[in-house]
Amino acid sequence: MVQRVLVLHGPNVAVREGFEVLEARLSARANALGLEVKSVASNGEAGLLDALHRERTWAQVAIVNPATLAPSAYALAEALELLRLPAVEVLLEVTLRSRSVLKDVVQKQIAGSGFDGYLKALEVLAPKAGRTAAPPEQGRKGQKSLGRSELPAAAITAPEPRKTIGRKAAPAPLPARPAGVKSIGRAPAPSRPVSGEHEEVLTRSAVRSQIAERLSGRLSPAELATWARGEWQRLQRGARIEAGQRELLDDVLQQLLLTAALKANDHHLITLMTQLGD
């Protein structure tokens, strides 16, 4: 079975000399290793995040070059950690190695090798493609955290609880969705039936109201994240929802789980409100 690798290119990478050749070399090397590659280039962190969210059920491993975003890509690092997606960071500039905020959530950093770094990353990920990170083992001694050293080729094992990437602690693991609905990569949890006709209906208006409470200062980022988590869990258990709005509300709630943990700025929250409409 062909294993799937998502390749994310950050700002200005796609206009560098040799990029088109890189795409051809990546494809050829991936074929030789039995891998399937999908590349996405974006000049902003939001574009990289959108691609990561969009491809989260397709990708089994990732190669990420945040480029000049490396010192400030906290949301991207948070997403990789939450999704537990095995990844290698490629940096064209050696000076970015120690400054990158992704260094603690990737298995390895490859810096200063130019576009050849992508091919080296394929070699690192090839034995691991298709494997899922195991749940953290509490109390296990001697386990090294991701980014400190390469994990054994035989398996990918998640690190025991460690410090986060310099922000608030990431939200606790979420239950998986029922069969047929996209998952964000967490372990499955038993589904429960809807409580009945009196179950509160989740609407766009309700979500907009909670975001408005956050914008007004009446809710903290953590409180918004807690509320979004609860509603997302209800949604996965089959709670009643505004007609025709499941996909939109599901996506917005997931974004709130990430952005609230990172103290999302007002502009981002206003953008989410605009997406929800009136």
Protein backbone atom coordinates (compact mmCIF):
# COMPACT_ATOMS: atom_id res chain seq x y z
CA MET A 1 0.00 0.00 0.00
CA VAL A 2 1.36 3.43 -0.96
CA GLN A 3 2.03 5.61 2.07
CA ARG A 4 1.11 9.29 2.03
CA VAL A 5 3.39 12.26 2.75
CA LEU A 6 2.16 15.87 3.02
CA VAL A 7 4.84 18.43 2.11
CA LEU A 8 4.30 22.01 3.28
CA HIS A 9 6.38 24.85 1.79
CA GLY A 10 6.42 28.21 3.60
CA PRO A 11 6.80 31.79 2.32
CA ASN A 12 8.72 32.35 -0.93
CA VAL A 13 9.95 28.76 -1.19
CA ALA A 14 7.96 28.20 -4.38
CA VAL A 15 9.71 31.09 -6.17
CA ARG A 16 13.24 29.99 -5.32
CA GLU A 17 15.38 28.82 -8.19
CA GLY A 18 15.20 25.06 -8.50
CA PHE A 19 11.78 24.60 -6.91
CA GLU A 20 10.22 23.04 -10.01
CA VAL A 21 13.11 20.61 -10.22
CA LEU A 22 12.62 19.81 -6.52
CA GLU A 23 8.98 18.84 -7.15
CA ALA A 24 10.06 16.39 -9.85
CA ARG A 25 12.85 14.96 -7.68
CA LEU A 26 10.49 14.56 -4.73
CA SER A 27 7.98 12.69 -6.85
CA ALA A 28 10.62 10.40 -8.30
CA ARG A 29 12.23 9.63 -4.94
CA ALA A 30 8.84 9.08 -3.31
CA ASN A 31 7.91 6.56 -6.00
CA ALA A 32 11.16 4.71 -5.40
CA LEU A 33 10.40 4.55 -1.66
CA GLY A 34 6.78 3.51 -2.14
CA LEU A 35 5.41 6.86 -1.01
CA GLU A 36 2.80 9.24 -2.40
CA VAL A 37 3.59 12.95 -2.06
CA LYS A 38 1.21 15.89 -1.99
CA SER A 39 2.81 19.37 -1.87
CA VAL A 40 1.23 22.62 -0.71
CA ALA A 41 2.97 26.02 -0.86
CA SER A 42 1.68 29.06 1.05
CA ASN A 43 3.09 32.49 1.85
CA GLY A 44 1.27 32.63 5.20
CA GLU A 45 0.88 30.45 8.28
CA ALA A 46 -2.90 30.39 7.84
CA GLY A 47 -2.49 28.73 4.45
CA LEU A 48 -0.20 26.07 5.89
CA LEU A 49 -2.64 25.46 8.75
CA ASP A 50 -5.58 25.19 6.37
CA ALA A 51 -3.70 22.62 4.29
CA LEU A 52 -2.76 20.65 7.40
CA HIS A 53 -6.37 20.61 8.61
CA ARG A 54 -7.72 19.79 5.16
CA GLU A 55 -5.34 16.88 4.61
CA ARG A 56 -5.29 15.55 8.18
CA THR A 57 -7.16 12.35 7.27
CA TRP A 58 -5.08 11.83 4.11
CA ALA A 59 -1.57 12.47 5.39
CA GLN A 60 0.28 9.85 7.41
CA VAL A 61 3.52 11.80 7.82
CA ALA A 62 4.65 15.32 6.90
CA ILE A 63 7.62 17.35 5.75
CA VAL A 64 7.36 20.98 6.84
CA ASN A 65 9.48 23.93 5.74
CA PRO A 66 8.08 26.97 7.59
CA ALA A 67 10.84 29.12 6.06
CA THR A 68 10.88 32.63 7.59
CA LEU A 69 7.83 31.72 9.71
CA ALA A 70 9.95 29.27 11.75
CA PRO A 71 10.49 31.54 14.82
CA SER A 72 6.81 32.47 15.13
CA ALA A 73 4.77 29.54 13.74
CA TYR A 74 3.21 28.66 17.11
CA ALA A 75 -0.16 27.72 15.64
CA LEU A 76 1.45 25.37 13.12
CA ALA A 77 3.51 23.73 15.87
CA GLU A 78 0.40 23.40 18.03
CA ALA A 79 -1.51 21.74 15.18
CA LEU A 80 1.25 19.18 14.52
CA GLU A 81 1.30 18.34 18.22
CA LEU A 82 -2.48 18.06 18.52
CA LEU A 83 -2.79 15.91 15.40
CA ARG A 84 0.20 13.77 16.42
CA LEU A 85 1.41 13.81 12.84
CA PRO A 86 4.98 12.46 12.55
CA ALA A 87 6.96 15.20 10.81
CA VAL A 88 10.44 16.30 9.76
CA GLU A 89 11.26 20.01 9.56
CA VAL A 90 13.35 21.18 6.60
CA LEU A 91 15.10 24.55 6.93
CA LEU A 92 17.08 26.03 4.06
CA GLU A 93 18.90 28.36 6.46
CA VAL A 94 21.00 26.86 9.27
CA THR A 95 20.44 29.97 11.40
CA LEU A 96 16.77 29.07 11.77
CA ARG A 97 17.44 25.69 13.40
CA SER A 98 17.58 26.83 17.03
CA ARG A 99 15.00 29.60 16.54
CA SER A 100 12.27 27.42 15.07
CA VAL A 101 9.29 26.83 17.37
CA LEU A 102 8.66 23.51 15.59
CA LYS A 103 11.83 21.94 16.96
CA ASP A 104 10.08 20.27 19.90
CA VAL A 105 7.19 18.79 17.92
CA VAL A 106 9.05 17.27 14.96
CA GLN A 107 11.12 14.11 14.91
CA LYS A 108 14.10 15.73 13.21
CA GLN A 109 15.35 19.02 11.81
CA ILE A 110 17.33 19.07 8.57
CA ALA A 111 18.95 22.46 8.02
CA GLY A 112 21.40 23.93 5.54
CA SER A 113 21.14 21.21 2.90
CA GLY A 114 19.15 23.28 0.45
CA PHE A 115 16.42 21.47 -1.44
CA ASP A 116 18.26 18.19 -0.84
CA GLY A 117 16.91 18.43 2.71
CA TYR A 118 13.49 17.41 1.43
CA LEU A 119 14.91 14.20 -0.06
CA LYS A 120 16.72 13.44 3.19
CA ALA A 121 13.42 13.97 5.04
CA LEU A 122 11.75 11.39 2.79
CA GLU A 123 14.44 8.90 3.79
CA VAL A 124 13.79 9.60 7.47
CA LEU A 125 10.02 9.24 7.14
CA ALA A 126 9.88 6.30 4.72
CA PRO A 127 10.05 3.55 7.40
CA LYS A 128 7.49 5.41 9.51
CA ALA A 129 4.87 6.28 6.89
CA GLY A 130 1.55 4.72 7.65
CA ARG A 131 2.25 4.15 11.33
CA THR A 132 0.19 5.92 13.96
CA ALA A 133 1.74 7.42 17.06
CA ALA A 134 1.05 5.33 20.14
CA PRO A 135 -0.68 6.92 23.16
CA PRO A 136 1.68 8.45 25.74
CA GLU A 137 2.94 5.95 28.30
CA GLN A 138 2.60 7.49 31.74
CA GLY A 139 5.61 7.11 33.99
CA ARG A 140 7.86 5.59 31.35
CA LYS A 141 11.45 6.41 32.18
CA GLY A 142 14.14 7.22 29.68
CA GLN A 143 11.71 8.26 26.90
CA LYS A 144 13.04 11.14 24.81
CA SER A 145 10.71 13.81 23.52
CA LEU A 146 10.07 14.42 19.82
CA GLY A 147 12.68 16.62 18.20
CA ARG A 148 15.45 15.56 20.59
CA SER A 149 16.52 12.50 18.59
CA GLU A 150 15.19 10.25 15.87
CA LEU A 151 12.72 7.62 16.96
CA PRO A 152 13.39 3.94 16.15
CA ALA A 153 12.49 3.01 12.59
CA ALA A 154 10.39 0.10 13.82
CA ALA A 155 7.71 2.27 15.40
CA ILE A 156 6.68 5.79 16.19
CA THR A 157 6.06 6.28 19.89
CA ALA A 158 4.60 9.44 21.33
CA PRO A 159 6.64 11.12 24.06
CA GLU A 160 5.53 11.22 27.64
CA PRO A 161 3.94 14.51 28.76
CA ARG A 162 6.36 17.40 28.30
CA LYS A 163 6.43 21.15 28.24
CA THR A 164 4.38 22.71 25.47
CA ILE A 165 5.79 25.02 22.80
CA GLY A 166 5.89 28.07 25.01
CA ARG A 167 2.18 28.72 25.21
CA LYS A 168 -0.68 27.40 27.30
CA ALA A 169 -0.95 23.64 27.56
CA ALA A 170 -2.60 22.05 24.53
CA PRO A 171 -6.19 20.83 24.91
CA ALA A 172 -6.64 17.31 26.24
CA PRO A 173 -7.14 14.49 23.68
CA LEU A 174 -10.47 14.54 21.86
CA PRO A 175 -12.64 11.52 21.11
CA ALA A 176 -12.78 10.29 17.53
CA ARG A 177 -15.81 10.90 15.38
CA PRO A 178 -18.29 8.20 14.42
CA ALA A 179 -17.55 6.10 11.32
CA GLY A 180 -17.83 8.07 8.11
CA VAL A 181 -16.96 11.42 9.69
CA LYS A 182 -13.45 12.92 9.43
CA SER A 183 -11.25 12.60 12.50
CA ILE A 184 -8.58 14.97 13.81
CA GLY A 185 -6.31 12.09 14.72
CA ARG A 186 -7.26 11.27 18.31
CA ALA A 187 -8.00 7.89 19.79
CA PRO A 188 -11.59 6.64 19.41
CA ALA A 189 -14.02 6.87 22.29
CA PRO A 190 -17.31 5.02 22.73
CA SER A 191 -20.17 6.92 21.18
CA ARG A 192 -23.30 7.72 23.19
CA PRO A 193 -26.85 8.21 21.96
CA VAL A 194 -28.44 11.61 21.79
CA SER A 195 -30.41 12.38 24.93
CA GLY A 196 -33.64 12.97 23.05
CA GLU A 197 -35.90 15.66 21.70
CA HIS A 198 -34.91 18.08 24.45
CA GLU A 199 -31.24 18.03 23.42
CA GLU A 200 -30.10 21.60 22.80
CA VAL A 201 -29.64 22.35 19.10
CA LEU A 202 -26.17 23.60 18.15
CA THR A 203 -26.55 26.65 15.90
CA ARG A 204 -24.32 29.20 14.19
CA SER A 205 -25.88 31.83 16.43
CA ALA A 206 -24.82 29.96 19.57
CA VAL A 207 -21.21 29.74 18.39
CA ARG A 208 -21.18 33.40 17.36
CA SER A 209 -22.49 34.32 20.81
CA GLN A 210 -19.61 32.50 22.55
CA ILE A 211 -17.03 34.19 20.30
CA ALA A 212 -18.66 37.55 21.06
CA GLU A 213 -18.35 36.80 24.78
CA ARG A 214 -14.63 36.17 24.28
CA LEU A 215 -14.17 39.36 22.26
CA SER A 216 -15.90 41.37 24.98
CA GLY A 217 -13.63 39.89 27.64
CA ARG A 218 -16.38 38.00 29.46
CA LEU A 219 -14.79 34.66 28.49
CA SER A 220 -11.12 33.75 28.77
CA PRO A 221 -9.32 31.83 25.98
CA ALA A 222 -9.35 28.71 28.16
CA GLU A 223 -13.09 29.03 28.83
CA LEU A 224 -13.81 29.39 25.11
CA ALA A 225 -11.70 26.30 24.40
CA THR A 226 -13.54 24.31 27.08
CA TRP A 227 -16.91 25.32 25.65
CA ALA A 228 -15.82 24.47 22.09
CA ARG A 229 -14.53 21.09 23.20
CA GLY A 230 -17.83 20.22 24.87
CA GLU A 231 -19.86 21.22 21.82
CA TRP A 232 -17.52 19.35 19.48
CA GLN A 233 -17.90 16.22 21.61
CA ARG A 234 -21.70 16.57 21.54
CA LEU A 235 -21.53 16.92 17.77
CA GLN A 236 -19.58 13.68 17.42
CA ARG A 237 -22.17 11.86 19.56
CA GLY A 238 -24.92 12.89 17.15
CA ALA A 239 -26.33 15.98 18.87
CA ARG A 240 -28.99 17.96 17.02
CA ILE A 241 -27.54 20.68 14.82
CA GLU A 242 -28.78 23.53 12.67
CA ALA A 243 -29.88 22.11 9.34
CA GLY A 244 -27.16 22.06 6.70
CA GLN A 245 -24.49 23.52 9.01
CA ARG A 246 -22.68 20.40 10.31
CA GLU A 247 -19.52 20.81 8.22
CA LEU A 248 -19.19 24.55 8.93
CA LEU A 249 -19.78 24.24 12.68
CA ASP A 250 -17.49 21.24 12.95
CA ASP A 251 -14.68 23.19 11.27
CA VAL A 252 -15.18 26.34 13.36
CA LEU A 253 -15.25 24.39 16.64
CA GLN A 254 -11.98 22.68 15.73
CA GLN A 255 -10.40 26.03 14.92
CA LEU A 256 -11.55 27.39 18.28
CA LEU A 257 -9.87 24.46 20.04
CA LEU A 258 -6.56 25.56 18.50
CA THR A 259 -6.90 29.32 18.46
CA ALA A 260 -8.24 29.64 21.99
CA ALA A 261 -5.29 27.69 23.37
CA LEU A 262 -3.02 30.18 21.63
CA LYS A 263 -4.93 33.29 22.71
CA ALA A 264 -6.10 33.99 19.18
CA ASN A 265 -6.18 37.65 18.26
CA ASP A 266 -9.43 39.51 17.70
CA HIS A 267 -8.99 39.56 13.93
CA HIS A 268 -8.99 35.76 13.73
CA LEU A 269 -12.08 35.48 15.93
CA ILE A 270 -13.92 38.12 13.91
CA THR A 271 -13.06 36.17 10.76
CA LEU A 272 -14.64 33.05 12.28
CA MET A 273 -17.77 35.04 13.15
CA THR A 274 -17.98 36.25 9.56
CA GLN A 275 -17.78 32.66 8.34
CA LEU A 276 -20.72 31.76 10.56
CA GLY A 277 -22.90 34.43 8.90
CA ASP A 278 -25.91 36.08 10.52
